[in-house]
Protein backbone atom coordinates (compact mmCIF):
# COMPACT_ATOMS: atom_id res chain seq x y z
CA MET A 1 -12.64 8.47 8.80
CA PRO A 2 -10.33 5.61 7.77
CA LYS A 3 -7.80 6.44 5.04
CA VAL A 4 -6.25 4.16 2.44
CA LEU A 5 -3.30 5.19 0.27
CA ILE A 6 -2.76 3.47 -3.08
CA VAL A 7 0.79 3.83 -4.43
CA ASP A 8 1.65 2.64 -7.93
CA ASP A 9 3.34 4.30 -10.88
CA GLU A 10 1.15 2.41 -13.37
CA PRO A 11 -2.17 4.23 -13.95
CA HIS A 12 -4.11 1.06 -14.81
CA ILE A 13 -3.12 -0.57 -11.50
CA ARG A 14 -4.18 2.54 -9.54
CA ILE A 15 -7.52 2.57 -11.36
CA LEU A 16 -8.02 -1.16 -10.78
CA LEU A 17 -7.33 -0.75 -7.05
CA GLU A 18 -9.61 2.28 -6.87
CA GLN A 19 -12.42 0.34 -8.55
CA THR A 20 -11.76 -2.62 -6.27
CA LEU A 21 -11.92 -0.50 -3.12
CA GLU A 22 -14.60 2.02 -4.11
CA GLU A 23 -17.30 0.07 -2.27
CA LEU A 24 -15.46 0.95 0.95
CA GLU A 25 -15.92 4.66 0.16
CA ASP A 26 -19.65 4.12 0.77
CA GLU A 27 -18.64 3.06 4.29
CA GLY A 28 -16.67 6.26 4.91
CA VAL A 29 -13.22 5.18 3.77
CA GLU A 30 -11.18 7.88 2.04
CA LEU A 31 -8.88 6.83 -0.83
CA PHE A 32 -5.65 8.69 -1.67
CA PHE A 33 -3.16 8.07 -4.46
CA ALA A 34 0.55 8.50 -5.10
CA VAL A 35 2.54 7.75 -8.25
CA ASN A 36 6.07 7.35 -6.86
CA GLY A 37 7.95 6.70 -3.64
CA GLU A 38 8.61 10.34 -2.74
CA GLU A 39 4.96 11.27 -3.24
CA ALA A 40 3.97 8.24 -1.15
CA LEU A 41 6.14 9.35 1.78
CA GLU A 42 4.75 12.89 1.67
CA SER A 43 1.19 11.57 1.59
CA ILE A 44 1.81 9.10 4.42
CA TRP A 45 3.34 11.82 6.57
CA ARG A 46 0.53 14.28 5.83
CA GLU A 47 -2.52 11.98 5.85
CA LYS A 48 -1.45 9.19 8.26
CA PRO A 49 -3.46 6.48 6.47
CA GLU A 50 -4.36 3.31 8.34
CA LEU A 51 -3.58 1.20 5.28
CA VAL A 52 -1.17 1.54 2.34
CA PHE A 53 -1.13 -0.59 -0.80
CA LEU A 54 2.46 -0.12 -1.95
CA ASP A 55 4.04 -1.07 -5.27
CA VAL A 56 7.71 -2.12 -5.19
CA MET A 57 9.10 -1.03 -8.57
CA MET A 58 8.59 2.76 -8.75
CA PRO A 59 10.54 5.85 -9.78
CA LYS A 60 12.33 8.14 -7.30
CA MET A 61 12.15 5.64 -4.42
CA ASN A 62 11.15 1.98 -4.48
CA GLY A 63 8.55 0.38 -2.23
CA PHE A 64 11.14 -1.32 -0.02
CA GLU A 65 12.72 2.07 0.77
CA VAL A 66 9.34 3.71 1.41
CA CYS A 67 8.30 0.89 3.73
CA ARG A 68 11.59 0.99 5.64
CA LYS A 69 11.37 4.78 6.09
CA VAL A 70 7.76 4.63 7.30
CA LYS A 71 8.30 1.77 9.74
CA ALA A 72 11.81 2.49 11.03
CA GLU A 73 12.69 6.14 10.53
CA LEU A 74 9.30 7.83 10.84
CA THR A 75 8.20 5.22 13.41
CA LEU A 76 4.72 5.14 11.93
CA ASP A 77 4.61 1.42 12.57
CA ARG A 78 0.85 1.43 13.21
CA ILE A 79 0.37 2.08 9.47
CA TYR A 80 -0.44 -1.26 7.86
CA ILE A 81 1.53 -1.75 4.64
CA ILE A 82 0.58 -4.28 1.99
CA MET A 83 3.23 -4.55 -0.69
CA LEU A 84 1.78 -5.34 -4.12
CA THR A 85 4.32 -6.40 -6.68
CA ALA A 86 5.02 -8.46 -9.75
CA LYS A 87 8.21 -9.63 -8.02
CA GLY A 88 7.04 -12.86 -6.39
CA GLN A 89 10.32 -14.64 -5.68
CA GLU A 90 11.02 -15.72 -2.13
CA PHE A 91 14.02 -13.37 -2.02
CA ASP A 92 11.74 -10.38 -2.74
CA LYS A 93 9.17 -11.46 -0.16
CA LYS A 94 11.92 -11.74 2.44
CA LYS A 95 13.17 -8.26 1.48
CA GLY A 96 9.61 -6.90 1.87
CA VAL A 97 9.19 -8.43 5.30
CA GLU A 98 12.60 -7.13 6.37
CA ALA A 99 11.57 -3.64 5.22
CA GLY A 100 8.58 -3.89 7.55
CA ALA A 101 5.73 -4.84 5.19
CA ASP A 102 2.80 -6.39 7.02
CA ILE A 103 1.79 -8.43 3.97
CA TYR A 104 3.47 -9.12 0.63
CA MET A 105 1.02 -9.85 -2.23
CA THR A 106 1.93 -10.54 -5.84
CA LYS A 107 0.31 -9.18 -8.99
CA PRO A 108 -1.97 -10.13 -10.57
CA PHE A 109 -4.05 -10.00 -7.40
CA ASN A 110 -7.57 -11.17 -6.67
CA PRO A 111 -9.79 -8.09 -6.08
CA ASP A 112 -11.83 -10.00 -3.48
CA ASP A 113 -8.66 -10.65 -1.46
CA ILE A 114 -7.82 -6.93 -1.59
CA VAL A 115 -11.26 -5.87 -0.30
CA GLU A 116 -11.30 -8.58 2.36
CA LYS A 117 -7.84 -7.58 3.63
CA ALA A 118 -8.75 -3.88 3.63
CA ARG A 119 -11.95 -4.59 5.62
CA GLN A 120 -9.98 -6.68 8.09
CA VAL A 121 -7.26 -4.04 8.60
CA LEU A 122 -9.76 -1.16 8.87
CA GLY A 123 -12.11 -3.13 11.14
CA LEU A 124 -15.13 -2.78 8.81
């Protein structure tokens, strides 16, 4: 069963992503949630999701740090990480790519793009 982790400290963004991706649950995808960087790392280590939607600006550990730890230190590089952030400057995108993000998307995002990307990554 494919797993998707949604990481954002803002409840309305988590709910929006959950509503956006809930159609995939009908196809057997399991959704998980984390509200900060530390919780995200624990969940990634425990659940080994195929796909992570990761916010950048979060308490305890930011998205760049989480991504770097997952890709470099934990060597879970098969986990596909999409960074979702309000920080859309080129500098931030470069930082996201350097941290190991597979894709860097800015908020506000198009829900159709999110579903399409998730389907593509999960092979649905």
